[in-house]
Amino acid sequence: MHNLAKLYFQGIGVPQDENTGLMWLAKAAAHGHVIAEQQMAALMQRAKAEG
């Protein structure tokens, strides 16, 4: 799931789609993927700082 998220974020082999990438990243984090959890936490911090 984490690798699929990266492919969508970068548009490698699939159309580039940040929303779909985020969905797969969130699924990976929800299933306990440590790196995905860290990336989601960083995105949440960034969103708080911007919002």
PDB file of N, CA and C in Angstrom:
ATOM      1  N   MET A   1       0.818  -1.186   0.000  1.00  0.00           N
ATOM      2  CA  MET A   1       0.000   0.000   0.000  1.00  0.00           C
ATOM      3  C   MET A   1       0.863   1.252   0.000  1.00  0.00           C
ATOM      4  N   HIS A   2       1.929   1.216   0.777  1.00  0.00           N
ATOM      5  CA  HIS A   2       2.830   2.372   0.826  1.00  0.00           C
ATOM      6  C   HIS A   2       3.493   2.590  -0.526  1.00  0.00           C
ATOM      7  N   ASN A   3       3.941   1.526  -1.140  1.00  0.00           N
ATOM      8  CA  ASN A   3       4.565   1.653  -2.463  1.00  0.00           C
ATOM      9  C   ASN A   3       3.560   2.134  -3.505  1.00  0.00           C
ATOM     10  N   LEU A   4       2.341   1.664  -3.428  1.00  0.00           N
ATOM     11  CA  LEU A   4       1.307   2.115  -4.351  1.00  0.00           C
ATOM     12  C   LEU A   4       1.055   3.611  -4.165  1.00  0.00           C
ATOM     13  N   ALA A   5       1.052   4.071  -2.935  1.00  0.00           N
ATOM     14  CA  ALA A   5       0.898   5.503  -2.664  1.00  0.00           C
ATOM     15  C   ALA A   5       2.006   6.294  -3.343  1.00  0.00           C
ATOM     16  N   LYS A   6       3.237   5.813  -3.225  1.00  0.00           N
ATOM     17  CA  LYS A   6       4.367   6.504  -3.846  1.00  0.00           C
ATOM     18  C   LYS A   6       4.208   6.572  -5.357  1.00  0.00           C
ATOM     19  N   LEU A   7       3.728   5.491  -5.969  1.00  0.00           N
ATOM     20  CA  LEU A   7       3.531   5.481  -7.418  1.00  0.00           C
ATOM     21  C   LEU A   7       2.506   6.531  -7.841  1.00  0.00           C
ATOM     22  N   TYR A   8       1.421   6.637  -7.086  1.00  0.00           N
ATOM     23  CA  TYR A   8       0.405   7.637  -7.423  1.00  0.00           C
ATOM     24  C   TYR A   8       0.918   9.053  -7.187  1.00  0.00           C
ATOM     25  N   PHE A   9       1.649   9.276  -6.107  1.00  0.00           N
ATOM     26  CA  PHE A   9       2.196  10.614  -5.862  1.00  0.00           C
ATOM     27  C   PHE A   9       3.137  11.035  -6.985  1.00  0.00           C
ATOM     28  N   GLN A  10       3.928  10.091  -7.484  1.00  0.00           N
ATOM     29  CA  GLN A  10       4.931  10.404  -8.501  1.00  0.00           C
ATOM     30  C   GLN A  10       4.435  10.200  -9.929  1.00  0.00           C
ATOM     31  N   GLY A  11       3.304   9.521 -10.099  1.00  0.00           N
ATOM     32  CA  GLY A  11       2.778   9.276 -11.433  1.00  0.00           C
ATOM     33  C   GLY A  11       3.589   8.265 -12.218  1.00  0.00           C
ATOM     34  N   ILE A  12       4.095   7.257 -11.524  1.00  0.00           N
ATOM     35  CA  ILE A  12       4.891   6.218 -12.173  1.00  0.00           C
ATOM     36  C   ILE A  12       4.006   5.006 -12.455  1.00  0.00           C
ATOM     37  N   GLY A  13       3.731   4.759 -13.737  1.00  0.00           N
ATOM     38  CA  GLY A  13       2.918   3.617 -14.135  1.00  0.00           C
ATOM     39  C   GLY A  13       1.429   3.830 -13.966  1.00  0.00           C
ATOM     40  N   VAL A  14       1.052   4.921 -13.343  1.00  0.00           N
ATOM     41  CA  VAL A  14      -0.356   5.289 -13.140  1.00  0.00           C
ATOM     42  C   VAL A  14      -0.460   6.797 -13.322  1.00  0.00           C
ATOM     43  N   PRO A  15      -1.653   7.298 -13.588  1.00  0.00           N
ATOM     44  CA  PRO A  15      -1.781   8.757 -13.667  1.00  0.00           C
ATOM     45  C   PRO A  15      -1.450   9.394 -12.307  1.00  0.00           C
ATOM     46  N   GLN A  16      -0.723  10.489 -12.325  1.00  0.00           N
ATOM     47  CA  GLN A  16      -0.382  11.153 -11.068  1.00  0.00           C
ATOM     48  C   GLN A  16      -1.659  11.657 -10.421  1.00  0.00           C
ATOM     49  N   ASP A  17      -1.868  11.278  -9.164  1.00  0.00           N
ATOM     50  CA  ASP A  17      -3.088  11.633  -8.451  1.00  0.00           C
ATOM     51  C   ASP A  17      -2.780  11.684  -6.958  1.00  0.00           C
ATOM     52  N   GLU A  18      -2.634  12.882  -6.434  1.00  0.00           N
ATOM     53  CA  GLU A  18      -2.279  13.035  -5.024  1.00  0.00           C
ATOM     54  C   GLU A  18      -3.377  12.536  -4.095  1.00  0.00           C
ATOM     55  N   ASN A  19      -4.635  12.688  -4.483  1.00  0.00           N
ATOM     56  CA  ASN A  19      -5.729  12.214  -3.637  1.00  0.00           C
ATOM     57  C   ASN A  19      -5.693  10.697  -3.483  1.00  0.00           C
ATOM     58  N   THR A  20      -5.487   9.993  -4.590  1.00  0.00           N
ATOM     59  CA  THR A  20      -5.395   8.533  -4.523  1.00  0.00           C
ATOM     60  C   THR A  20      -4.143   8.119  -3.759  1.00  0.00           C
ATOM     61  N   GLY A  21      -3.043   8.834  -3.965  1.00  0.00           N
ATOM     62  CA  GLY A  21      -1.829   8.548  -3.208  1.00  0.00           C
ATOM     63  C   GLY A  21      -2.046   8.712  -1.717  1.00  0.00           C
ATOM     64  N   LEU A  22      -2.757   9.761  -1.341  1.00  0.00           N
ATOM     65  CA  LEU A  22      -3.039  10.002   0.072  1.00  0.00           C
ATOM     66  C   LEU A  22      -3.928   8.905   0.644  1.00  0.00           C
ATOM     67  N   MET A  23      -4.890   8.452  -0.155  1.00  0.00           N
ATOM     68  CA  MET A  23      -5.762   7.373   0.299  1.00  0.00           C
ATOM     69  C   MET A  23      -4.941   6.114   0.608  1.00  0.00           C
ATOM     70  N   TRP A  24      -4.033   5.755  -0.316  1.00  0.00           N
ATOM     71  CA  TRP A  24      -3.217   4.561  -0.101  1.00  0.00           C
ATOM     72  C   TRP A  24      -2.242   4.750   1.052  1.00  0.00           C
ATOM     73  N   LEU A  25      -1.722   5.958   1.206  1.00  0.00           N
ATOM     74  CA  LEU A  25      -0.828   6.232   2.326  1.00  0.00           C
ATOM     75  C   LEU A  25      -1.576   6.075   3.648  1.00  0.00           C
ATOM     76  N   ALA A  26      -2.785   6.602   3.717  1.00  0.00           N
ATOM     77  CA  ALA A  26      -3.598   6.483   4.933  1.00  0.00           C
ATOM     78  C   ALA A  26      -3.934   5.024   5.229  1.00  0.00           C
ATOM     79  N   LYS A  27      -4.233   4.251   4.193  1.00  0.00           N
ATOM     80  CA  LYS A  27      -4.521   2.825   4.399  1.00  0.00           C
ATOM     81  C   LYS A  27      -3.288   2.098   4.937  1.00  0.00           C
ATOM     82  N   ALA A  28      -2.132   2.418   4.380  1.00  0.00           N
ATOM     83  CA  ALA A  28      -0.906   1.781   4.856  1.00  0.00           C
ATOM     84  C   ALA A  28      -0.656   2.135   6.322  1.00  0.00           C
ATOM     85  N   ALA A  29      -0.855   3.403   6.660  1.00  0.00           N
ATOM     86  CA  ALA A  29      -0.666   3.837   8.049  1.00  0.00           C
ATOM     87  C   ALA A  29      -1.661   3.133   8.975  1.00  0.00           C
ATOM     88  N   ALA A  30      -2.903   3.007   8.531  1.00  0.00           N
ATOM     89  CA  ALA A  30      -3.931   2.357   9.343  1.00  0.00           C
ATOM     90  C   ALA A  30      -3.621   0.885   9.589  1.00  0.00           C
ATOM     91  N   HIS A  31      -2.852   0.289   8.672  1.00  0.00           N
ATOM     92  CA  HIS A  31      -2.473  -1.115   8.828  1.00  0.00           C
ATOM     93  C   HIS A  31      -1.126  -1.274   9.530  1.00  0.00           C
ATOM     94  N   GLY A  32      -0.590  -0.183  10.078  1.00  0.00           N
ATOM     95  CA  GLY A  32       0.603  -0.271  10.898  1.00  0.00           C
ATOM     96  C   GLY A  32       1.925  -0.076  10.185  1.00  0.00           C
ATOM     97  N   HIS A  33       1.922   0.408   8.960  1.00  0.00           N
ATOM     98  CA  HIS A  33       3.182   0.669   8.259  1.00  0.00           C
ATOM     99  C   HIS A  33       3.835   1.889   8.900  1.00  0.00           C
ATOM    100  N   VAL A  34       4.971   1.677   9.536  1.00  0.00           N
ATOM    101  CA  VAL A  34       5.601   2.708  10.360  1.00  0.00           C
ATOM    102  C   VAL A  34       5.971   3.951   9.553  1.00  0.00           C
ATOM    103  N   ILE A  35       6.549   3.775   8.396  1.00  0.00           N
ATOM    104  CA  ILE A  35       6.942   4.935   7.583  1.00  0.00           C
ATOM    105  C   ILE A  35       5.703   5.711   7.146  1.00  0.00           C
ATOM    106  N   ALA A  36       4.661   5.000   6.741  1.00  0.00           N
ATOM    107  CA  ALA A  36       3.422   5.665   6.343  1.00  0.00           C
ATOM    108  C   ALA A  36       2.823   6.429   7.522  1.00  0.00           C
ATOM    109  N   GLU A  37       2.893   5.854   8.711  1.00  0.00           N
ATOM    110  CA  GLU A  37       2.403   6.546   9.903  1.00  0.00           C
ATOM    111  C   GLU A  37       3.168   7.845  10.124  1.00  0.00           C
ATOM    112  N   GLN A  38       4.481   7.803   9.959  1.00  0.00           N
ATOM    113  CA  GLN A  38       5.305   9.000  10.133  1.00  0.00           C
ATOM    114  C   GLN A  38       4.988  10.039   9.065  1.00  0.00           C
ATOM    115  N   GLN A  39       4.782   9.595   7.834  1.00  0.00           N
ATOM    116  CA  GLN A  39       4.465  10.521   6.752  1.00  0.00           C
ATOM    117  C   GLN A  39       3.095  11.166   6.972  1.00  0.00           C
ATOM    118  N   MET A  40       2.127  10.396   7.433  1.00  0.00           N
ATOM    119  CA  MET A  40       0.811  10.958   7.718  1.00  0.00           C
ATOM    120  C   MET A  40       0.895  11.982   8.852  1.00  0.00           C
ATOM    121  N   ALA A  41       1.668  11.679   9.881  1.00  0.00           N
ATOM    122  CA  ALA A  41       1.835  12.622  10.988  1.00  0.00           C
ATOM    123  C   ALA A  41       2.462  13.922  10.497  1.00  0.00           C
ATOM    124  N   ALA A  42       3.455  13.822   9.617  1.00  0.00           N
ATOM    125  CA  ALA A  42       4.103  15.013   9.067  1.00  0.00           C
ATOM    126  C   ALA A  42       3.120  15.819   8.224  1.00  0.00           C
ATOM    127  N   LEU A  43       2.290  15.143   7.435  1.00  0.00           N
ATOM    128  CA  LEU A  43       1.288  15.839   6.643  1.00  0.00           C
ATOM    129  C   LEU A  43       0.268  16.542   7.527  1.00  0.00           C
ATOM    130  N   MET A  44      -0.113  15.904   8.611  1.00  0.00           N
ATOM    131  CA  MET A  44      -1.084  16.510   9.542  1.00  0.00           C
ATOM    132  C   MET A  44      -0.474  17.755  10.201  1.00  0.00           C
ATOM    133  N   GLN A  45       0.794  17.672  10.569  1.00  0.00           N
ATOM    134  CA  GLN A  45       1.467  18.828  11.174  1.00  0.00           C
ATOM    135  C   GLN A  45       1.533  19.977  10.175  1.00  0.00           C
ATOM    136  N   ARG A  46       1.853  19.677   8.939  1.00  0.00           N
ATOM    137  CA  ARG A  46       1.930  20.693   7.902  1.00  0.00           C
ATOM    138  C   ARG A  46       0.568  21.344   7.675  1.00  0.00           C
ATOM    139  N   ALA A  47      -0.481  20.520   7.673  1.00  0.00           N
ATOM    140  CA  ALA A  47      -1.841  21.048   7.477  1.00  0.00           C
ATOM    141  C   ALA A  47      -2.237  21.967   8.622  1.00  0.00           C
ATOM    142  N   LYS A  48      -1.872  21.595   9.848  1.00  0.00           N
ATOM    143  CA  LYS A  48      -2.175  22.452  11.010  1.00  0.00           C
ATOM    144  C   LYS A  48      -1.441  23.774  10.905  1.00  0.00           C
ATOM    145  N   ALA A  49      -0.182  23.741  10.482  1.00  0.00           N
ATOM    146  CA  ALA A  49       0.621  24.953  10.379  1.00  0.00           C
ATOM    147  C   ALA A  49       0.087  25.879   9.291  1.00  0.00           C
ATOM    148  N   GLU A  50      -0.446  25.307   8.222  1.00  0.00           N
ATOM    149  CA  GLU A  50      -0.963  26.111   7.117  1.00  0.00           C
ATOM    150  C   GLU A  50      -2.381  26.612   7.377  1.00  0.00           C
ATOM    151  N   GLY A  51      -3.137  25.868   8.201  1.00  0.00           N
ATOM    152  CA  GLY A  51      -4.548  26.161   8.340  1.00  0.00           C
ATOM    153  C   GLY A  51      -4.882  27.050   9.441  1.00  0.00           C
TER     154      GLY A  51
END
